[in-house]
Amino acid sequence: MTEQASLIEYPCDFPIKIMGKAHQDFTQTTLAIVKYHAPDFDITTTAVKASRNGTYLSLTCTIRATSRSQLDALYQALSEHSMISVVL
């Protein structure tokens, strides 16, 4: 799919939800991956939510997406990390 065929107009604000087991380094590690792929991402805007029993964490990061390739690379990096279970 080419960028012209994308349903998303770039640049745009794009929320990404990232979930994984609660681990002391989960938030810091996840935000480092997001910041690498979206250098202008403001980490203070991240919404963090723990599961009812505190076993899992969910982070919602809204980045300024500049291209489909940027989003693809970010999703791939997040999905491949062992601490991250789900990326939406």
PDB file of N, CA and C in Angstrom:
ATOM      1  N   MET A   1       0.851  -1.180   0.000  1.00  0.00           N
ATOM      2  CA  MET A   1       0.000   0.000   0.000  1.00  0.00           C
ATOM      3  C   MET A   1       0.896   1.242   0.000  1.00  0.00           C
ATOM      4  N   THR A   2       0.648   2.136  -0.888  1.00  0.00           N
ATOM      5  CA  THR A   2       1.451   3.351  -0.948  1.00  0.00           C
ATOM      6  C   THR A   2       0.888   4.393   0.004  1.00  0.00           C
ATOM      7  N   GLU A   3       1.668   5.425   0.251  1.00  0.00           N
ATOM      8  CA  GLU A   3       1.199   6.470   1.147  1.00  0.00           C
ATOM      9  C   GLU A   3      -0.025   7.183   0.564  1.00  0.00           C
ATOM     10  N   GLN A   4      -0.127   7.273  -0.758  1.00  0.00           N
ATOM     11  CA  GLN A   4      -1.291   7.908  -1.353  1.00  0.00           C
ATOM     12  C   GLN A   4      -2.555   7.087  -1.093  1.00  0.00           C
ATOM     13  N   ALA A   5      -2.414   5.770  -0.977  1.00  0.00           N
ATOM     14  CA  ALA A   5      -3.564   4.899  -0.774  1.00  0.00           C
ATOM     15  C   ALA A   5      -3.955   4.802   0.703  1.00  0.00           C
ATOM     16  N   SER A   6      -3.192   5.392   1.576  1.00  0.00           N
ATOM     17  CA  SER A   6      -3.467   5.338   3.006  1.00  0.00           C
ATOM     18  C   SER A   6      -4.734   6.125   3.339  1.00  0.00           C
ATOM     19  N   LEU A   7      -5.460   5.648   4.332  1.00  0.00           N
ATOM     20  CA  LEU A   7      -6.654   6.346   4.793  1.00  0.00           C
ATOM     21  C   LEU A   7      -6.296   7.454   5.784  1.00  0.00           C
ATOM     22  N   ILE A   8      -5.041   7.518   6.170  1.00  0.00           N
ATOM     23  CA  ILE A   8      -4.570   8.514   7.126  1.00  0.00           C
ATOM     24  C   ILE A   8      -3.865   9.632   6.374  1.00  0.00           C
ATOM     25  N   GLU A   9      -4.193  10.861   6.718  1.00  0.00           N
ATOM     26  CA  GLU A   9      -3.484  12.009   6.147  1.00  0.00           C
ATOM     27  C   GLU A   9      -2.365  12.407   7.103  1.00  0.00           C
ATOM     28  N   TYR A  10      -1.154  12.458   6.583  1.00  0.00           N
ATOM     29  CA  TYR A  10       0.012  12.800   7.408  1.00  0.00           C
ATOM     30  C   TYR A  10       0.407  14.246   7.171  1.00  0.00           C
ATOM     31  N   PRO A  11       0.934  14.920   8.165  1.00  0.00           N
ATOM     32  CA  PRO A  11       1.095  14.464   9.548  1.00  0.00           C
ATOM     33  C   PRO A  11      -0.230  14.539  10.302  1.00  0.00           C
ATOM     34  N   CYS A  12      -0.329  13.707  11.374  1.00  0.00           N
ATOM     35  CA  CYS A  12      -1.533  13.700  12.195  1.00  0.00           C
ATOM     36  C   CYS A  12      -1.203  13.188  13.595  1.00  0.00           C
ATOM     37  N   ASP A  13      -2.063  13.535  14.543  1.00  0.00           N
ATOM     38  CA  ASP A  13      -1.930  12.980  15.887  1.00  0.00           C
ATOM     39  C   ASP A  13      -2.486  11.570  15.849  1.00  0.00           C
ATOM     40  N   PHE A  14      -1.705  10.608  16.370  1.00  0.00           N
ATOM     41  CA  PHE A  14      -2.074   9.204  16.247  1.00  0.00           C
ATOM     42  C   PHE A  14      -1.880   8.516  17.600  1.00  0.00           C
ATOM     43  N   PRO A  15      -2.975   8.069  18.248  1.00  0.00           N
ATOM     44  CA  PRO A  15      -2.842   7.387  19.535  1.00  0.00           C
ATOM     45  C   PRO A  15      -2.450   5.922  19.356  1.00  0.00           C
ATOM     46  N   ILE A  16      -1.552   5.464  20.207  1.00  0.00           N
ATOM     47  CA  ILE A  16      -1.116   4.065  20.204  1.00  0.00           C
ATOM     48  C   ILE A  16      -1.285   3.540  21.622  1.00  0.00           C
ATOM     49  N   LYS A  17      -1.975   2.420  21.765  1.00  0.00           N
ATOM     50  CA  LYS A  17      -2.155   1.798  23.071  1.00  0.00           C
ATOM     51  C   LYS A  17      -1.209   0.604  23.149  1.00  0.00           C
ATOM     52  N   ILE A  18      -0.435   0.567  24.241  1.00  0.00           N
ATOM     53  CA  ILE A  18       0.592  -0.461  24.428  1.00  0.00           C
ATOM     54  C   ILE A  18       0.334  -1.137  25.765  1.00  0.00           C
ATOM     55  N   MET A  19       0.226  -2.468  25.762  1.00  0.00           N
ATOM     56  CA  MET A  19      -0.065  -3.204  26.990  1.00  0.00           C
ATOM     57  C   MET A  19       0.966  -4.292  27.241  1.00  0.00           C
ATOM     58  N   GLY A  20       1.227  -4.510  28.514  1.00  0.00           N
ATOM     59  CA  GLY A  20       2.153  -5.565  28.910  1.00  0.00           C
ATOM     60  C   GLY A  20       2.086  -5.796  30.398  1.00  0.00           C
ATOM     61  N   LYS A  21       2.788  -6.846  30.859  1.00  0.00           N
ATOM     62  CA  LYS A  21       2.826  -7.140  32.288  1.00  0.00           C
ATOM     63  C   LYS A  21       3.497  -6.003  33.028  1.00  0.00           C
ATOM     64  N   ALA A  22       2.958  -5.682  34.189  1.00  0.00           N
ATOM     65  CA  ALA A  22       3.543  -4.619  35.016  1.00  0.00           C
ATOM     66  C   ALA A  22       4.946  -5.066  35.427  1.00  0.00           C
ATOM     67  N   HIS A  23       5.918  -4.285  35.085  1.00  0.00           N
ATOM     68  CA  HIS A  23       7.327  -4.555  35.365  1.00  0.00           C
ATOM     69  C   HIS A  23       7.948  -3.203  35.674  1.00  0.00           C
ATOM     70  N   GLN A  24       8.924  -3.179  36.553  1.00  0.00           N
ATOM     71  CA  GLN A  24       9.478  -1.883  36.962  1.00  0.00           C
ATOM     72  C   GLN A  24      10.029  -1.071  35.796  1.00  0.00           C
ATOM     73  N   ASP A  25      10.462  -1.725  34.721  1.00  0.00           N
ATOM     74  CA  ASP A  25      11.038  -1.013  33.583  1.00  0.00           C
ATOM     75  C   ASP A  25      10.083  -0.872  32.399  1.00  0.00           C
ATOM     76  N   PHE A  26       8.840  -1.372  32.537  1.00  0.00           N
ATOM     77  CA  PHE A  26       7.925  -1.390  31.392  1.00  0.00           C
ATOM     78  C   PHE A  26       7.682   0.010  30.816  1.00  0.00           C
ATOM     79  N   THR A  27       7.297   0.943  31.655  1.00  0.00           N
ATOM     80  CA  THR A  27       6.971   2.287  31.167  1.00  0.00           C
ATOM     81  C   THR A  27       8.188   2.957  30.544  1.00  0.00           C
ATOM     82  N   GLN A  28       9.309   2.930  31.232  1.00  0.00           N
ATOM     83  CA  GLN A  28      10.528   3.578  30.734  1.00  0.00           C
ATOM     84  C   GLN A  28      10.988   2.958  29.413  1.00  0.00           C
ATOM     85  N   THR A  29      10.977   1.647  29.326  1.00  0.00           N
ATOM     86  CA  THR A  29      11.399   0.954  28.109  1.00  0.00           C
ATOM     87  C   THR A  29      10.472   1.264  26.940  1.00  0.00           C
ATOM     88  N   THR A  30       9.177   1.211  27.198  1.00  0.00           N
ATOM     89  CA  THR A  30       8.189   1.477  26.155  1.00  0.00           C
ATOM     90  C   THR A  30       8.304   2.907  25.638  1.00  0.00           C
ATOM     91  N   LEU A  31       8.423   3.859  26.553  1.00  0.00           N
ATOM     92  CA  LEU A  31       8.529   5.257  26.141  1.00  0.00           C
ATOM     93  C   LEU A  31       9.819   5.513  25.360  1.00  0.00           C
ATOM     94  N   ALA A  32      10.894   4.807  25.685  1.00  0.00           N
ATOM     95  CA  ALA A  32      12.146   4.959  24.940  1.00  0.00           C
ATOM     96  C   ALA A  32      11.966   4.500  23.490  1.00  0.00           C
ATOM     97  N   ILE A  33      11.221   3.409  23.285  1.00  0.00           N
ATOM     98  CA  ILE A  33      10.965   2.918  21.924  1.00  0.00           C
ATOM     99  C   ILE A  33      10.126   3.936  21.153  1.00  0.00           C
ATOM    100  N   VAL A  34       9.080   4.444  21.789  1.00  0.00           N
ATOM    101  CA  VAL A  34       8.208   5.433  21.130  1.00  0.00           C
ATOM    102  C   VAL A  34       9.008   6.684  20.786  1.00  0.00           C
ATOM    103  N   LYS A  35       9.801   7.167  21.726  1.00  0.00           N
ATOM    104  CA  LYS A  35      10.588   8.393  21.522  1.00  0.00           C
ATOM    105  C   LYS A  35      11.615   8.212  20.398  1.00  0.00           C
ATOM    106  N   TYR A  36      12.180   7.016  20.265  1.00  0.00           N
ATOM    107  CA  TYR A  36      13.143   6.745  19.200  1.00  0.00           C
ATOM    108  C   TYR A  36      12.492   6.923  17.827  1.00  0.00           C
ATOM    109  N   HIS A  37      11.273   6.427  17.687  1.00  0.00           N
ATOM    110  CA  HIS A  37      10.579   6.478  16.391  1.00  0.00           C
ATOM    111  C   HIS A  37       9.804   7.777  16.173  1.00  0.00           C
ATOM    112  N   ALA A  38       9.518   8.488  17.261  1.00  0.00           N
ATOM    113  CA  ALA A  38       8.812   9.773  17.170  1.00  0.00           C
ATOM    114  C   ALA A  38       9.536  10.756  18.097  1.00  0.00           C
ATOM    115  N   PRO A  39      10.671  11.299  17.634  1.00  0.00           N
ATOM    116  CA  PRO A  39      11.517  12.135  18.490  1.00  0.00           C
ATOM    117  C   PRO A  39      10.821  13.340  19.119  1.00  0.00           C
ATOM    118  N   ASP A  40       9.755  13.839  18.496  1.00  0.00           N
ATOM    119  CA  ASP A  40       9.063  14.995  19.060  1.00  0.00           C
ATOM    120  C   ASP A  40       7.945  14.600  20.030  1.00  0.00           C
ATOM    121  N   PHE A  41       7.821  13.309  20.336  1.00  0.00           N
ATOM    122  CA  PHE A  41       6.797  12.821  21.260  1.00  0.00           C
ATOM    123  C   PHE A  41       7.024  13.393  22.658  1.00  0.00           C
ATOM    124  N   ASP A  42       5.976  13.952  23.240  1.00  0.00           N
ATOM    125  CA  ASP A  42       6.029  14.518  24.587  1.00  0.00           C
ATOM    126  C   ASP A  42       5.587  13.451  25.583  1.00  0.00           C
ATOM    127  N   ILE A  43       6.548  12.869  26.301  1.00  0.00           N
ATOM    128  CA  ILE A  43       6.225  11.750  27.198  1.00  0.00           C
ATOM    129  C   ILE A  43       5.294  12.144  28.344  1.00  0.00           C
ATOM    130  N   THR A  44       5.202  13.438  28.639  1.00  0.00           N
ATOM    131  CA  THR A  44       4.316  13.869  29.722  1.00  0.00           C
ATOM    132  C   THR A  44       2.842  13.735  29.352  1.00  0.00           C
ATOM    133  N   THR A  45       2.546  13.498  28.080  1.00  0.00           N
ATOM    134  CA  THR A  45       1.155  13.338  27.645  1.00  0.00           C
ATOM    135  C   THR A  45       0.697  11.880  27.702  1.00  0.00           C
ATOM    136  N   THR A  46       1.564  10.979  28.136  1.00  0.00           N
ATOM    137  CA  THR A  46       1.246   9.555  28.186  1.00  0.00           C
ATOM    138  C   THR A  46       0.218   9.265  29.273  1.00  0.00           C
ATOM    139  N   ALA A  47      -0.800   8.507  28.915  1.00  0.00           N
ATOM    140  CA  ALA A  47      -1.795   8.053  29.893  1.00  0.00           C
ATOM    141  C   ALA A  47      -1.414   6.632  30.318  1.00  0.00           C
ATOM    142  N   VAL A  48      -1.274   6.422  31.618  1.00  0.00           N
ATOM    143  CA  VAL A  48      -0.888   5.111  32.156  1.00  0.00           C
ATOM    144  C   VAL A  48      -2.039   4.590  32.998  1.00  0.00           C
ATOM    145  N   LYS A  49      -2.391   3.330  32.765  1.00  0.00           N
ATOM    146  CA  LYS A  49      -3.482   2.724  33.526  1.00  0.00           C
ATOM    147  C   LYS A  49      -3.076   1.302  33.907  1.00  0.00           C
ATOM    148  N   ALA A  50      -3.262   0.964  35.172  1.00  0.00           N
ATOM    149  CA  ALA A  50      -2.980  -0.400  35.649  1.00  0.00           C
ATOM    150  C   ALA A  50      -4.262  -1.223  35.582  1.00  0.00           C
ATOM    151  N   SER A  51      -4.098  -2.530  35.410  1.00  0.00           N
ATOM    152  CA  SER A  51      -5.257  -3.421  35.435  1.00  0.00           C
ATOM    153  C   SER A  51      -5.815  -3.477  36.859  1.00  0.00           C
ATOM    154  N   ARG A  52      -6.976  -4.050  37.010  1.00  0.00           N
ATOM    155  CA  ARG A  52      -7.650  -4.093  38.305  1.00  0.00           C
ATOM    156  C   ARG A  52      -6.749  -4.671  39.405  1.00  0.00           C
ATOM    157  N   ASN A  53      -6.030  -5.729  39.092  1.00  0.00           N
ATOM    158  CA  ASN A  53      -5.163  -6.368  40.086  1.00  0.00           C
ATOM    159  C   ASN A  53      -3.723  -5.873  40.015  1.00  0.00           C
ATOM    160  N   GLY A  54      -3.453  -4.931  39.117  1.00  0.00           N
ATOM    161  CA  GLY A  54      -2.103  -4.394  38.997  1.00  0.00           C
ATOM    162  C   GLY A  54      -1.126  -5.304  38.281  1.00  0.00           C
ATOM    163  N   THR A  55      -1.632  -6.331  37.620  1.00  0.00           N
ATOM    164  CA  THR A  55      -0.773  -7.291  36.914  1.00  0.00           C
ATOM    165  C   THR A  55      -0.283  -6.731  35.585  1.00  0.00           C
ATOM    166  N   TYR A  56      -1.114  -5.930  34.933  1.00  0.00           N
ATOM    167  CA  TYR A  56      -0.792  -5.390  33.617  1.00  0.00           C
ATOM    168  C   TYR A  56      -0.832  -3.864  33.639  1.00  0.00           C
ATOM    169  N   LEU A  57      -0.093  -3.271  32.698  1.00  0.00           N
ATOM    170  CA  LEU A  57      -0.109  -1.827  32.506  1.00  0.00           C
ATOM    171  C   LEU A  57      -0.516  -1.537  31.070  1.00  0.00           C
ATOM    172  N   SER A  58      -1.214  -0.429  30.904  1.00  0.00           N
ATOM    173  CA  SER A  58      -1.590   0.045  29.578  1.00  0.00           C
ATOM    174  C   SER A  58      -1.100   1.473  29.455  1.00  0.00           C
ATOM    175  N   LEU A  59      -0.375   1.750  28.372  1.00  0.00           N
ATOM    176  CA  LEU A  59       0.084   3.103  28.084  1.00  0.00           C
ATOM    177  C   LEU A  59      -0.599   3.569  26.809  1.00  0.00           C
ATOM    178  N   THR A  60      -1.104   4.783  26.818  1.00  0.00           N
ATOM    179  CA  THR A  60      -1.624   5.378  25.600  1.00  0.00           C
ATOM    180  C   THR A  60      -0.729   6.560  25.259  1.00  0.00           C
ATOM    181  N   CYS A  61      -0.057   6.439  24.124  1.00  0.00           N
ATOM    182  CA  CYS A  61       0.874   7.469  23.660  1.00  0.00           C
ATOM    183  C   CYS A  61       0.325   8.060  22.366  1.00  0.00           C
ATOM    184  N   THR A  62       0.145   9.363  22.337  1.00  0.00           N
ATOM    185  CA  THR A  62      -0.316  10.023  21.111  1.00  0.00           C
ATOM    186  C   THR A  62       0.888  10.714  20.488  1.00  0.00           C
ATOM    187  N   ILE A  63       1.271  10.207  19.318  1.00  0.00           N
ATOM    188  CA  ILE A  63       2.430  10.765  18.612  1.00  0.00           C
ATOM    189  C   ILE A  63       1.961  11.620  17.446  1.00  0.00           C
ATOM    190  N   ARG A  64       2.853  12.419  16.930  1.00  0.00           N
ATOM    191  CA  ARG A  64       2.606  13.162  15.690  1.00  0.00           C
ATOM    192  C   ARG A  64       3.168  12.294  14.572  1.00  0.00           C
ATOM    193  N   ALA A  65       2.313  11.502  13.952  1.00  0.00           N
ATOM    194  CA  ALA A  65       2.736  10.582  12.900  1.00  0.00           C
ATOM    195  C   ALA A  65       3.032  11.356  11.621  1.00  0.00           C
ATOM    196  N   THR A  66       4.181  11.064  11.022  1.00  0.00           N
ATOM    197  CA  THR A  66       4.578  11.777   9.812  1.00  0.00           C
ATOM    198  C   THR A  66       4.488  10.921   8.552  1.00  0.00           C
ATOM    199  N   SER A  67       4.422   9.586   8.717  1.00  0.00           N
ATOM    200  CA  SER A  67       4.342   8.715   7.544  1.00  0.00           C
ATOM    201  C   SER A  67       3.908   7.309   7.944  1.00  0.00           C
ATOM    202  N   ARG A  68       3.461   6.574   6.967  1.00  0.00           N
ATOM    203  CA  ARG A  68       3.094   5.172   7.185  1.00  0.00           C
ATOM    204  C   ARG A  68       4.319   4.363   7.586  1.00  0.00           C
ATOM    205  N   SER A  69       5.459   4.637   6.964  1.00  0.00           N
ATOM    206  CA  SER A  69       6.673   3.877   7.290  1.00  0.00           C
ATOM    207  C   SER A  69       7.091   4.126   8.742  1.00  0.00           C
ATOM    208  N   GLN A  70       6.891   5.342   9.239  1.00  0.00           N
ATOM    209  CA  GLN A  70       7.196   5.628  10.644  1.00  0.00           C
ATOM    210  C   GLN A  70       6.306   4.783  11.558  1.00  0.00           C
ATOM    211  N   LEU A  71       5.001   4.755  11.281  1.00  0.00           N
ATOM    212  CA  LEU A  71       4.078   3.965  12.096  1.00  0.00           C
ATOM    213  C   LEU A  71       4.393   2.475  12.012  1.00  0.00           C
ATOM    214  N   ASP A  72       4.683   1.996  10.816  1.00  0.00           N
ATOM    215  CA  ASP A  72       5.017   0.575  10.647  1.00  0.00           C
ATOM    216  C   ASP A  72       6.245   0.200  11.467  1.00  0.00           C
ATOM    217  N   ALA A  73       7.281   1.034  11.416  1.00  0.00           N
ATOM    218  CA  ALA A  73       8.517   0.760  12.159  1.00  0.00           C
ATOM    219  C   ALA A  73       8.264   0.797  13.664  1.00  0.00           C
ATOM    220  N   LEU A  74       7.456   1.742  14.115  1.00  0.00           N
ATOM    221  CA  LEU A  74       7.139   1.852  15.536  1.00  0.00           C
ATOM    222  C   LEU A  74       6.344   0.643  16.002  1.00  0.00           C
ATOM    223  N   TYR A  75       5.302   0.259  15.268  1.00  0.00           N
ATOM    224  CA  TYR A  75       4.508  -0.908  15.631  1.00  0.00           C
ATOM    225  C   TYR A  75       5.371  -2.172  15.653  1.00  0.00           C
ATOM    226  N   GLN A  76       6.263  -2.311  14.688  1.00  0.00           N
ATOM    227  CA  GLN A  76       7.115  -3.494  14.638  1.00  0.00           C
ATOM    228  C   GLN A  76       8.050  -3.533  15.843  1.00  0.00           C
ATOM    229  N   ALA A  77       8.688  -2.416  16.162  1.00  0.00           N
ATOM    230  CA  ALA A  77       9.610  -2.364  17.303  1.00  0.00           C
ATOM    231  C   ALA A  77       8.884  -2.673  18.611  1.00  0.00           C
ATOM    232  N   LEU A  78       7.694  -2.110  18.781  1.00  0.00           N
ATOM    233  CA  LEU A  78       6.934  -2.371  20.003  1.00  0.00           C
ATOM    234  C   LEU A  78       6.487  -3.829  20.069  1.00  0.00           C
ATOM    235  N   SER A  79       5.972  -4.358  18.970  1.00  0.00           N
ATOM    236  CA  SER A  79       5.457  -5.734  18.941  1.00  0.00           C
ATOM    237  C   SER A  79       6.553  -6.761  19.178  1.00  0.00           C
ATOM    238  N   GLU A  80       7.777  -6.457  18.778  1.00  0.00           N
ATOM    239  CA  GLU A  80       8.877  -7.410  18.927  1.00  0.00           C
ATOM    240  C   GLU A  80       9.488  -7.409  20.317  1.00  0.00           C
ATOM    241  N   HIS A  81       9.183  -6.407  21.142  1.00  0.00           N
ATOM    242  CA  HIS A  81       9.807  -6.334  22.461  1.00  0.00           C
ATOM    243  C   HIS A  81       9.155  -7.354  23.410  1.00  0.00           C
ATOM    244  N   SER A  82       9.984  -8.051  24.166  1.00  0.00           N
ATOM    245  CA  SER A  82       9.493  -9.138  25.025  1.00  0.00           C
ATOM    246  C   SER A  82       8.582  -8.678  26.159  1.00  0.00           C
ATOM    247  N   MET A  83       8.685  -7.441  26.614  1.00  0.00           N
ATOM    248  CA  MET A  83       7.832  -6.961  27.713  1.00  0.00           C
ATOM    249  C   MET A  83       6.448  -6.527  27.226  1.00  0.00           C
ATOM    250  N   ILE A  84       6.293  -6.335  25.923  1.00  0.00           N
ATOM    251  CA  ILE A  84       5.042  -5.815  25.375  1.00  0.00           C
ATOM    252  C   ILE A  84       4.198  -6.949  24.819  1.00  0.00           C
ATOM    253  N   SER A  85       2.945  -7.005  25.294  1.00  0.00           N
ATOM    254  CA  SER A  85       2.026  -8.080  24.887  1.00  0.00           C
ATOM    255  C   SER A  85       1.145  -7.692  23.717  1.00  0.00           C
ATOM    256  N   VAL A  86       0.612  -6.459  23.737  1.00  0.00           N
ATOM    257  CA  VAL A  86      -0.350  -6.022  22.730  1.00  0.00           C
ATOM    258  C   VAL A  86      -0.062  -4.581  22.333  1.00  0.00           C
ATOM    259  N   VAL A  87      -0.184  -4.300  21.034  1.00  0.00           N
ATOM    260  CA  VAL A  87      -0.061  -2.921  20.522  1.00  0.00           C
ATOM    261  C   VAL A  87      -1.279  -2.664  19.649  1.00  0.00           C
ATOM    262  N   LEU A  88      -2.039  -1.653  20.011  1.00  0.00           N
ATOM    263  CA  LEU A  88      -3.247  -1.297  19.241  1.00  0.00           C
ATOM    264  C   LEU A  88      -3.133   0.119  18.719  1.00  0.00           C
TER     265      LEU A  88
END
